[in-house]
């Protein structure tokens, strides 16, 4: 059984993560005023995915986990992206 080393995040790293999440939230709010046509949903989902990645990495401590756990999460995101691509292709070619 492998040992988990304790990890302590600094206040500076939490401040950077907070700033990034607030900036991405501001982008999400600004996107509600901009009409990108058929790409509006795709862009907002991209911003939401970036925010989810930041939360998974920092607040759920994924960057300190084993490589197997990271690959499981990456595979889940890849499946999510594949489902989105299939959905948008179906929507565009109707």
PDB file of N, CA and C in Angstrom:
ATOM      1  N   UNK A   1       0.845  -1.172   0.000  1.00  0.00           N
ATOM      2  CA  UNK A   1       0.000   0.000   0.000  1.00  0.00           C
ATOM      3  C   UNK A   1       0.891   1.236   0.000  1.00  0.00           C
ATOM      4  N   UNK A   2       0.609   2.151  -0.888  1.00  0.00           N
ATOM      5  CA  UNK A   2       1.450   3.338  -0.976  1.00  0.00           C
ATOM      6  C   UNK A   2       1.025   4.382   0.061  1.00  0.00           C
ATOM      7  N   UNK A   3       2.002   5.146   0.485  1.00  0.00           N
ATOM      8  CA  UNK A   3       1.715   6.183   1.473  1.00  0.00           C
ATOM      9  C   UNK A   3       1.328   7.472   0.778  1.00  0.00           C
ATOM     10  N   UNK A   4       0.345   8.145   1.349  1.00  0.00           N
ATOM     11  CA  UNK A   4      -0.034   9.462   0.856  1.00  0.00           C
ATOM     12  C   UNK A   4       0.753  10.490   1.639  1.00  0.00           C
ATOM     13  N   UNK A   5       1.521  11.283   0.916  1.00  0.00           N
ATOM     14  CA  UNK A   5       2.264  12.342   1.573  1.00  0.00           C
ATOM     15  C   UNK A   5       1.321  13.518   1.797  1.00  0.00           C
ATOM     16  N   UNK A   6       1.415  14.148   2.951  1.00  0.00           N
ATOM     17  CA  UNK A   6       0.548  15.302   3.176  1.00  0.00           C
ATOM     18  C   UNK A   6       0.944  16.448   2.251  1.00  0.00           C
ATOM     19  N   UNK A   7      -0.039  17.170   1.794  1.00  0.00           N
ATOM     20  CA  UNK A   7       0.227  18.317   0.937  1.00  0.00           C
ATOM     21  C   UNK A   7      -0.575  19.504   1.456  1.00  0.00           C
ATOM     22  N   UNK A   8       0.081  20.616   1.480  1.00  0.00           N
ATOM     23  CA  UNK A   8      -0.554  21.835   1.967  1.00  0.00           C
ATOM     24  C   UNK A   8      -0.468  22.868   0.855  1.00  0.00           C
ATOM     25  N   UNK A   9      -1.607  23.366   0.462  1.00  0.00           N
ATOM     26  CA  UNK A   9      -1.639  24.393  -0.569  1.00  0.00           C
ATOM     27  C   UNK A   9      -1.453  25.755   0.075  1.00  0.00           C
ATOM     28  N   UNK A  10      -0.744  26.602  -0.619  1.00  0.00           N
ATOM     29  CA  UNK A  10      -0.478  27.933  -0.077  1.00  0.00           C
ATOM     30  C   UNK A  10      -1.675  28.847  -0.321  1.00  0.00           C
ATOM     31  N   UNK A  11      -1.695  29.929   0.435  1.00  0.00           N
ATOM     32  CA  UNK A  11      -2.748  30.929   0.242  1.00  0.00           C
ATOM     33  C   UNK A  11      -2.631  31.569  -1.133  1.00  0.00           C
ATOM     34  N   UNK A  12      -1.414  31.721  -1.631  1.00  0.00           N
ATOM     35  CA  UNK A  12      -1.210  32.305  -2.954  1.00  0.00           C
ATOM     36  C   UNK A  12      -1.817  31.427  -4.040  1.00  0.00           C
ATOM     37  N   UNK A  13      -1.648  30.122  -3.936  1.00  0.00           N
ATOM     38  CA  UNK A  13      -2.234  29.238  -4.952  1.00  0.00           C
ATOM     39  C   UNK A  13      -3.764  29.274  -4.890  1.00  0.00           C
ATOM     40  N   UNK A  14      -4.315  29.344  -3.684  1.00  0.00           N
ATOM     41  CA  UNK A  14      -5.777  29.458  -3.566  1.00  0.00           C
ATOM     42  C   UNK A  14      -6.269  30.782  -4.116  1.00  0.00           C
ATOM     43  N   UNK A  15      -5.509  31.836  -3.920  1.00  0.00           N
ATOM     44  CA  UNK A  15      -5.888  33.145  -4.470  1.00  0.00           C
ATOM     45  C   UNK A  15      -5.851  33.117  -5.992  1.00  0.00           C
ATOM     46  N   UNK A  16      -4.864  32.444  -6.555  1.00  0.00           N
ATOM     47  CA  UNK A  16      -4.789  32.327  -8.017  1.00  0.00           C
ATOM     48  C   UNK A  16      -5.959  31.522  -8.571  1.00  0.00           C
ATOM     49  N   UNK A  17      -6.290  30.450  -7.894  1.00  0.00           N
ATOM     50  CA  UNK A  17      -7.424  29.629  -8.331  1.00  0.00           C
ATOM     51  C   UNK A  17      -8.720  30.429  -8.226  1.00  0.00           C
ATOM     52  N   UNK A  18      -8.884  31.151  -7.135  1.00  0.00           N
ATOM     53  CA  UNK A  18     -10.076  31.992  -6.974  1.00  0.00           C
ATOM     54  C   UNK A  18     -10.152  33.033  -8.076  1.00  0.00           C
ATOM     55  N   UNK A  19      -9.039  33.673  -8.385  1.00  0.00           N
ATOM     56  CA  UNK A  19      -9.016  34.688  -9.437  1.00  0.00           C
ATOM     57  C   UNK A  19      -9.378  34.071 -10.788  1.00  0.00           C
ATOM     58  N   UNK A  20      -8.829  32.915 -11.085  1.00  0.00           N
ATOM     59  CA  UNK A  20      -9.130  32.250 -12.355  1.00  0.00           C
ATOM     60  C   UNK A  20     -10.605  31.880 -12.447  1.00  0.00           C
ATOM     61  N   UNK A  21     -11.157  31.335 -11.358  1.00  0.00           N
ATOM     62  CA  UNK A  21     -12.572  30.953 -11.369  1.00  0.00           C
ATOM     63  C   UNK A  21     -13.484  32.170 -11.481  1.00  0.00           C
ATOM     64  N   UNK A  22     -13.140  33.250 -10.807  1.00  0.00           N
ATOM     65  CA  UNK A  22     -13.942  34.473 -10.923  1.00  0.00           C
ATOM     66  C   UNK A  22     -13.861  35.057 -12.334  1.00  0.00           C
ATOM     67  N   UNK A  23     -12.672  35.018 -12.931  1.00  0.00           N
ATOM     68  CA  UNK A  23     -12.511  35.510 -14.295  1.00  0.00           C
ATOM     69  C   UNK A  23     -13.329  34.677 -15.268  1.00  0.00           C
ATOM     70  N   UNK A  24     -13.290  33.361 -15.114  1.00  0.00           N
ATOM     71  CA  UNK A  24     -14.071  32.496 -15.997  1.00  0.00           C
ATOM     72  C   UNK A  24     -15.576  32.663 -15.771  1.00  0.00           C
ATOM     73  N   UNK A  25     -15.975  32.943 -14.535  1.00  0.00           N
ATOM     74  CA  UNK A  25     -17.385  33.230 -14.273  1.00  0.00           C
ATOM     75  C   UNK A  25     -17.796  34.528 -14.946  1.00  0.00           C
ATOM     76  N   UNK A  26     -16.915  35.528 -14.920  1.00  0.00           N
ATOM     77  CA  UNK A  26     -17.184  36.790 -15.612  1.00  0.00           C
ATOM     78  C   UNK A  26     -17.328  36.553 -17.117  1.00  0.00           C
ATOM     79  N   UNK A  27     -16.484  35.716 -17.674  1.00  0.00           N
ATOM     80  CA  UNK A  27     -16.602  35.387 -19.098  1.00  0.00           C
ATOM     81  C   UNK A  27     -17.939  34.714 -19.383  1.00  0.00           C
ATOM     82  N   UNK A  28     -18.347  33.820 -18.504  1.00  0.00           N
ATOM     83  CA  UNK A  28     -19.630  33.143 -18.684  1.00  0.00           C
ATOM     84  C   UNK A  28     -20.789  34.136 -18.664  1.00  0.00           C
ATOM     85  N   UNK A  29     -20.734  35.087 -17.738  1.00  0.00           N
ATOM     86  CA  UNK A  29     -21.792  36.098 -17.665  1.00  0.00           C
ATOM     87  C   UNK A  29     -21.771  36.985 -18.903  1.00  0.00           C
ATOM     88  N   UNK A  30     -20.593  37.378 -19.349  1.00  0.00           N
ATOM     89  CA  UNK A  30     -20.492  38.220 -20.544  1.00  0.00           C
ATOM     90  C   UNK A  30     -20.980  37.491 -21.793  1.00  0.00           C
ATOM     91  N   UNK A  31     -20.811  36.178 -21.822  1.00  0.00           N
ATOM     92  CA  UNK A  31     -21.290  35.402 -22.971  1.00  0.00           C
ATOM     93  C   UNK A  31     -22.813  35.408 -23.083  1.00  0.00           C
ATOM     94  N   UNK A  32     -23.503  35.725 -22.008  1.00  0.00           N
ATOM     95  CA  UNK A  32     -24.961  35.788 -22.099  1.00  0.00           C
ATOM     96  C   UNK A  32     -25.411  37.016 -22.886  1.00  0.00           C
ATOM     97  N   UNK A  33     -24.556  38.021 -22.995  1.00  0.00           N
ATOM     98  CA  UNK A  33     -24.893  39.237 -23.739  1.00  0.00           C
ATOM     99  C   UNK A  33     -24.407  39.202 -25.180  1.00  0.00           C
ATOM    100  N   UNK A  34     -23.561  38.233 -25.516  1.00  0.00           N
ATOM    101  CA  UNK A  34     -22.993  38.142 -26.859  1.00  0.00           C
ATOM    102  C   UNK A  34     -23.677  36.999 -27.600  1.00  0.00           C
ATOM    103  N   UNK A  35     -24.130  37.296 -28.812  1.00  0.00           N
ATOM    104  CA  UNK A  35     -24.772  36.259 -29.617  1.00  0.00           C
ATOM    105  C   UNK A  35     -23.737  35.643 -30.548  1.00  0.00           C
ATOM    106  N   UNK A  36     -23.359  34.418 -30.271  1.00  0.00           N
ATOM    107  CA  UNK A  36     -22.410  33.702 -31.111  1.00  0.00           C
ATOM    108  C   UNK A  36     -23.112  32.719 -32.044  1.00  0.00           C
ATOM    109  N   UNK A  37     -24.403  32.823 -32.106  1.00  0.00           N
ATOM    110  CA  UNK A  37     -25.171  31.927 -32.972  1.00  0.00           C
ATOM    111  C   UNK A  37     -25.162  30.509 -32.431  1.00  0.00           C
ATOM    112  N   UNK A  38     -24.840  29.587 -33.315  1.00  0.00           N
ATOM    113  CA  UNK A  38     -24.869  28.179 -32.940  1.00  0.00           C
ATOM    114  C   UNK A  38     -23.704  27.796 -32.035  1.00  0.00           C
ATOM    115  N   UNK A  39     -22.695  28.667 -31.908  1.00  0.00           N
ATOM    116  CA  UNK A  39     -21.521  28.349 -31.094  1.00  0.00           C
ATOM    117  C   UNK A  39     -21.641  28.816 -29.643  1.00  0.00           C
ATOM    118  N   UNK A  40     -22.727  29.478 -29.290  1.00  0.00           N
ATOM    119  CA  UNK A  40     -22.891  29.997 -27.936  1.00  0.00           C
ATOM    120  C   UNK A  40     -22.822  28.881 -26.897  1.00  0.00           C
ATOM    121  N   UNK A  41     -23.565  27.823 -27.131  1.00  0.00           N
ATOM    122  CA  UNK A  41     -23.593  26.718 -26.172  1.00  0.00           C
ATOM    123  C   UNK A  41     -22.241  26.020 -26.116  1.00  0.00           C
ATOM    124  N   UNK A  42     -21.591  25.854 -27.265  1.00  0.00           N
ATOM    125  CA  UNK A  42     -20.289  25.192 -27.287  1.00  0.00           C
ATOM    126  C   UNK A  42     -19.251  25.989 -26.500  1.00  0.00           C
ATOM    127  N   UNK A  43     -19.253  27.299 -26.654  1.00  0.00           N
ATOM    128  CA  UNK A  43     -18.278  28.135 -25.940  1.00  0.00           C
ATOM    129  C   UNK A  43     -18.556  28.130 -24.442  1.00  0.00           C
ATOM    130  N   UNK A  44     -19.804  28.215 -24.044  1.00  0.00           N
ATOM    131  CA  UNK A  44     -20.114  28.196 -22.612  1.00  0.00           C
ATOM    132  C   UNK A  44     -19.795  26.835 -21.990  1.00  0.00           C
ATOM    133  N   UNK A  45     -20.010  25.759 -22.737  1.00  0.00           N
ATOM    134  CA  UNK A  45     -19.628  24.440 -22.231  1.00  0.00           C
ATOM    135  C   UNK A  45     -18.113  24.303 -22.127  1.00  0.00           C
ATOM    136  N   UNK A  46     -17.380  24.930 -23.031  1.00  0.00           N
ATOM    137  CA  UNK A  46     -15.925  24.916 -22.958  1.00  0.00           C
ATOM    138  C   UNK A  46     -15.439  25.656 -21.711  1.00  0.00           C
ATOM    139  N   UNK A  47     -16.030  26.819 -21.443  1.00  0.00           N
ATOM    140  CA  UNK A  47     -15.660  27.574 -20.240  1.00  0.00           C
ATOM    141  C   UNK A  47     -16.010  26.780 -18.984  1.00  0.00           C
ATOM    142  N   UNK A  48     -17.170  26.145 -18.973  1.00  0.00           N
ATOM    143  CA  UNK A  48     -17.576  25.334 -17.815  1.00  0.00           C
ATOM    144  C   UNK A  48     -16.636  24.145 -17.627  1.00  0.00           C
ATOM    145  N   UNK A  49     -16.162  23.568 -18.711  1.00  0.00           N
ATOM    146  CA  UNK A  49     -15.231  22.446 -18.601  1.00  0.00           C
ATOM    147  C   UNK A  49     -13.881  22.885 -18.039  1.00  0.00           C
ATOM    148  N   UNK A  50     -13.433  24.060 -18.429  1.00  0.00           N
ATOM    149  CA  UNK A  50     -12.185  24.593 -17.879  1.00  0.00           C
ATOM    150  C   UNK A  50     -12.342  24.852 -16.383  1.00  0.00           C
ATOM    151  N   UNK A  51     -13.482  25.410 -15.991  1.00  0.00           N
ATOM    152  CA  UNK A  51     -13.729  25.640 -14.566  1.00  0.00           C
ATOM    153  C   UNK A  51     -13.789  24.324 -13.793  1.00  0.00           C
ATOM    154  N   UNK A  52     -14.425  23.321 -14.368  1.00  0.00           N
ATOM    155  CA  UNK A  52     -14.493  22.011 -13.705  1.00  0.00           C
ATOM    156  C   UNK A  52     -13.110  21.392 -13.567  1.00  0.00           C
ATOM    157  N   UNK A  53     -12.268  21.576 -14.573  1.00  0.00           N
ATOM    158  CA  UNK A  53     -10.907  21.054 -14.508  1.00  0.00           C
ATOM    159  C   UNK A  53     -10.117  21.723 -13.395  1.00  0.00           C
ATOM    160  N   UNK A  54     -10.285  23.027 -13.257  1.00  0.00           N
ATOM    161  CA  UNK A  54      -9.591  23.751 -12.181  1.00  0.00           C
ATOM    162  C   UNK A  54     -10.064  23.256 -10.818  1.00  0.00           C
ATOM    163  N   UNK A  55     -11.361  23.083 -10.669  1.00  0.00           N
ATOM    164  CA  UNK A  55     -11.895  22.607  -9.388  1.00  0.00           C
ATOM    165  C   UNK A  55     -11.406  21.190  -9.090  1.00  0.00           C
ATOM    166  N   UNK A  56     -11.423  20.320 -10.088  1.00  0.00           N
ATOM    167  CA  UNK A  56     -10.941  18.952  -9.883  1.00  0.00           C
ATOM    168  C   UNK A  56      -9.465  18.925  -9.510  1.00  0.00           C
ATOM    169  N   UNK A  57      -8.684  19.750 -10.181  1.00  0.00           N
ATOM    170  CA  UNK A  57      -7.242  19.739  -9.955  1.00  0.00           C
ATOM    171  C   UNK A  57      -6.874  20.287  -8.589  1.00  0.00           C
ATOM    172  N   UNK A  58      -7.433  21.407  -8.209  1.00  0.00           N
ATOM    173  CA  UNK A  58      -7.002  22.075  -6.977  1.00  0.00           C
ATOM    174  C   UNK A  58      -7.823  21.697  -5.756  1.00  0.00           C
ATOM    175  N   UNK A  59      -9.147  21.793  -5.861  1.00  0.00           N
ATOM    176  CA  UNK A  59      -9.961  21.594  -4.661  1.00  0.00           C
ATOM    177  C   UNK A  59     -10.235  20.127  -4.363  1.00  0.00           C
ATOM    178  N   UNK A  60     -10.190  19.281  -5.381  1.00  0.00           N
ATOM    179  CA  UNK A  60     -10.359  17.855  -5.141  1.00  0.00           C
ATOM    180  C   UNK A  60      -9.006  17.144  -5.135  1.00  0.00           C
ATOM    181  N   UNK A  61      -7.927  17.932  -5.180  1.00  0.00           N
ATOM    182  CA  UNK A  61      -6.550  17.456  -5.034  1.00  0.00           C
ATOM    183  C   UNK A  61      -6.182  16.380  -6.049  1.00  0.00           C
ATOM    184  N   UNK A  62      -6.695  16.501  -7.248  1.00  0.00           N
ATOM    185  CA  UNK A  62      -6.405  15.501  -8.265  1.00  0.00           C
ATOM    186  C   UNK A  62      -4.938  15.521  -8.671  1.00  0.00           C
ATOM    187  N   UNK A  63      -4.300  16.674  -8.567  1.00  0.00           N
ATOM    188  CA  UNK A  63      -2.899  16.734  -8.975  1.00  0.00           C
ATOM    189  C   UNK A  63      -1.985  15.972  -8.013  1.00  0.00           C
ATOM    190  N   UNK A  64      -2.490  15.622  -6.840  1.00  0.00           N
ATOM    191  CA  UNK A  64      -1.702  14.861  -5.876  1.00  0.00           C
ATOM    192  C   UNK A  64      -2.051  13.373  -5.877  1.00  0.00           C
ATOM    193  N   UNK A  65      -2.980  12.958  -6.727  1.00  0.00           N
ATOM    194  CA  UNK A  65      -3.424  11.566  -6.765  1.00  0.00           C
ATOM    195  C   UNK A  65      -2.518  10.734  -7.670  1.00  0.00           C
ATOM    196  N   UNK A  66      -2.782   9.443  -7.692  1.00  0.00           N
ATOM    197  CA  UNK A  66      -1.982   8.536  -8.512  1.00  0.00           C
ATOM    198  C   UNK A  66      -2.304   8.734  -9.992  1.00  0.00           C
ATOM    199  N   UNK A  67      -1.426   8.228 -10.828  1.00  0.00           N
ATOM    200  CA  UNK A  67      -1.613   8.357 -12.272  1.00  0.00           C
ATOM    201  C   UNK A  67      -2.873   7.614 -12.732  1.00  0.00           C
ATOM    202  N   UNK A  68      -3.188   6.507 -12.097  1.00  0.00           N
ATOM    203  CA  UNK A  68      -4.385   5.748 -12.465  1.00  0.00           C
ATOM    204  C   UNK A  68      -5.647   6.583 -12.252  1.00  0.00           C
ATOM    205  N   UNK A  69      -5.729   7.252 -11.125  1.00  0.00           N
ATOM    206  CA  UNK A  69      -6.901   8.086 -10.841  1.00  0.00           C
ATOM    207  C   UNK A  69      -7.003   9.229 -11.847  1.00  0.00           C
ATOM    208  N   UNK A  70      -5.877   9.837 -12.174  1.00  0.00           N
ATOM    209  CA  UNK A  70      -5.879  10.916 -13.160  1.00  0.00           C
ATOM    210  C   UNK A  70      -6.341  10.424 -14.525  1.00  0.00           C
ATOM    211  N   UNK A  71      -5.914   9.217 -14.922  1.00  0.00           N
ATOM    212  CA  UNK A  71      -6.333   8.686 -16.213  1.00  0.00           C
ATOM    213  C   UNK A  71      -7.819   8.352 -16.237  1.00  0.00           C
ATOM    214  N   UNK A  72      -8.351   7.920 -15.117  1.00  0.00           N
ATOM    215  CA  UNK A  72      -9.799   7.658 -15.042  1.00  0.00           C
ATOM    216  C   UNK A  72     -10.574   8.953 -15.260  1.00  0.00           C
ATOM    217  N   UNK A  73     -10.134  10.041 -14.628  1.00  0.00           N
ATOM    218  CA  UNK A  73     -10.805  11.331 -14.794  1.00  0.00           C
ATOM    219  C   UNK A  73     -10.639  11.837 -16.222  1.00  0.00           C
ATOM    220  N   UNK A  74      -9.452  11.706 -16.792  1.00  0.00           N
ATOM    221  CA  UNK A  74      -9.229  12.130 -18.176  1.00  0.00           C
ATOM    222  C   UNK A  74     -10.108  11.325 -19.127  1.00  0.00           C
ATOM    223  N   UNK A  75     -10.237  10.034 -18.887  1.00  0.00           N
ATOM    224  CA  UNK A  75     -11.118   9.199 -19.708  1.00  0.00           C
ATOM    225  C   UNK A  75     -12.573   9.618 -19.604  1.00  0.00           C
ATOM    226  N   UNK A  76     -12.993  10.004 -18.411  1.00  0.00           N
ATOM    227  CA  UNK A  76     -14.364  10.477 -18.222  1.00  0.00           C
ATOM    228  C   UNK A  76     -14.598  11.756 -19.002  1.00  0.00           C
ATOM    229  N   UNK A  77     -13.638  12.686 -18.933  1.00  0.00           N
ATOM    230  CA  UNK A  77     -13.762  13.921 -19.703  1.00  0.00           C
ATOM    231  C   UNK A  77     -13.751  13.649 -21.203  1.00  0.00           C
ATOM    232  N   UNK A  78     -12.928  12.705 -21.640  1.00  0.00           N
ATOM    233  CA  UNK A  78     -12.882  12.363 -23.062  1.00  0.00           C
ATOM    234  C   UNK A  78     -14.219  11.801 -23.519  1.00  0.00           C
ATOM    235  N   UNK A  79     -14.833  10.961 -22.707  1.00  0.00           N
ATOM    236  CA  UNK A  79     -16.155  10.436 -23.032  1.00  0.00           C
ATOM    237  C   UNK A  79     -17.190  11.555 -23.080  1.00  0.00           C
ATOM    238  N   UNK A  80     -17.100  12.506 -22.148  1.00  0.00           N
ATOM    239  CA  UNK A  80     -18.002  13.654 -22.137  1.00  0.00           C
ATOM    240  C   UNK A  80     -17.854  14.461 -23.421  1.00  0.00           C
ATOM    241  N   UNK A  81     -16.615  14.722 -23.831  1.00  0.00           N
ATOM    242  CA  UNK A  81     -16.368  15.484 -25.063  1.00  0.00           C
ATOM    243  C   UNK A  81     -16.885  14.723 -26.271  1.00  0.00           C
ATOM    244  N   UNK A  82     -16.691  13.417 -26.296  1.00  0.00           N
ATOM    245  CA  UNK A  82     -17.193  12.607 -27.408  1.00  0.00           C
ATOM    246  C   UNK A  82     -18.718  12.680 -27.501  1.00  0.00           C
ATOM    247  N   UNK A  83     -19.388  12.610 -26.372  1.00  0.00           N
ATOM    248  CA  UNK A  83     -20.846  12.718 -26.361  1.00  0.00           C
ATOM    249  C   UNK A  83     -21.285  14.089 -26.851  1.00  0.00           C
ATOM    250  N   UNK A  84     -20.578  15.145 -26.439  1.00  0.00           N
ATOM    251  CA  UNK A  84     -20.906  16.489 -26.919  1.00  0.00           C
ATOM    252  C   UNK A  84     -20.703  16.617 -28.422  1.00  0.00           C
ATOM    253  N   UNK A  85     -19.627  16.046 -28.933  1.00  0.00           N
ATOM    254  CA  UNK A  85     -19.359  16.118 -30.373  1.00  0.00           C
ATOM    255  C   UNK A  85     -20.452  15.403 -31.153  1.00  0.00           C
ATOM    256  N   UNK A  86     -20.824  14.225 -30.712  1.00  0.00           N
ATOM    257  CA  UNK A  86     -21.886  13.477 -31.400  1.00  0.00           C
ATOM    258  C   UNK A  86     -23.196  14.252 -31.341  1.00  0.00           C
ATOM    259  N   UNK A  87     -23.495  14.864 -30.201  1.00  0.00           N
ATOM    260  CA  UNK A  87     -24.725  15.638 -30.060  1.00  0.00           C
ATOM    261  C   UNK A  87     -24.735  16.835 -30.994  1.00  0.00           C
ATOM    262  N   UNK A  88     -23.616  17.579 -31.044  1.00  0.00           N
ATOM    263  CA  UNK A  88     -23.568  18.755 -31.908  1.00  0.00           C
ATOM    264  C   UNK A  88     -23.572  18.375 -33.394  1.00  0.00           C
ATOM    265  N   UNK A  89     -22.916  17.294 -33.752  1.00  0.00           N
ATOM    266  CA  UNK A  89     -22.960  16.846 -35.161  1.00  0.00           C
ATOM    267  C   UNK A  89     -24.376  16.481 -35.538  1.00  0.00           C
ATOM    268  N   UNK A  90     -25.083  15.784 -34.658  1.00  0.00           N
ATOM    269  CA  UNK A  90     -26.470  15.453 -34.919  1.00  0.00           C
ATOM    270  C   UNK A  90     -27.323  16.704 -35.044  1.00  0.00           C
ATOM    271  N   UNK A  91     -27.084  17.694 -34.200  1.00  0.00           N
ATOM    272  CA  UNK A  91     -27.861  18.928 -34.217  1.00  0.00           C
ATOM    273  C   UNK A  91     -27.594  19.736 -35.495  1.00  0.00           C
ATOM    274  N   UNK A  92     -26.328  19.806 -35.909  1.00  0.00           N
ATOM    275  CA  UNK A  92     -25.984  20.630 -37.075  1.00  0.00           C
ATOM    276  C   UNK A  92     -26.459  20.032 -38.385  1.00  0.00           C
ATOM    277  N   UNK A  93     -26.551  18.709 -38.484  1.00  0.00           N
ATOM    278  CA  UNK A  93     -26.906  18.080 -39.738  1.00  0.00           C
ATOM    279  C   UNK A  93     -28.363  17.619 -39.804  1.00  0.00           C
ATOM    280  N   UNK A  94     -29.206  18.219 -39.019  1.00  0.00           N
ATOM    281  CA  UNK A  94     -30.645  17.904 -39.109  1.00  0.00           C
ATOM    282  C   UNK A  94     -31.285  18.734 -40.162  1.00  0.00           C
TER     283      UNK A  94
END
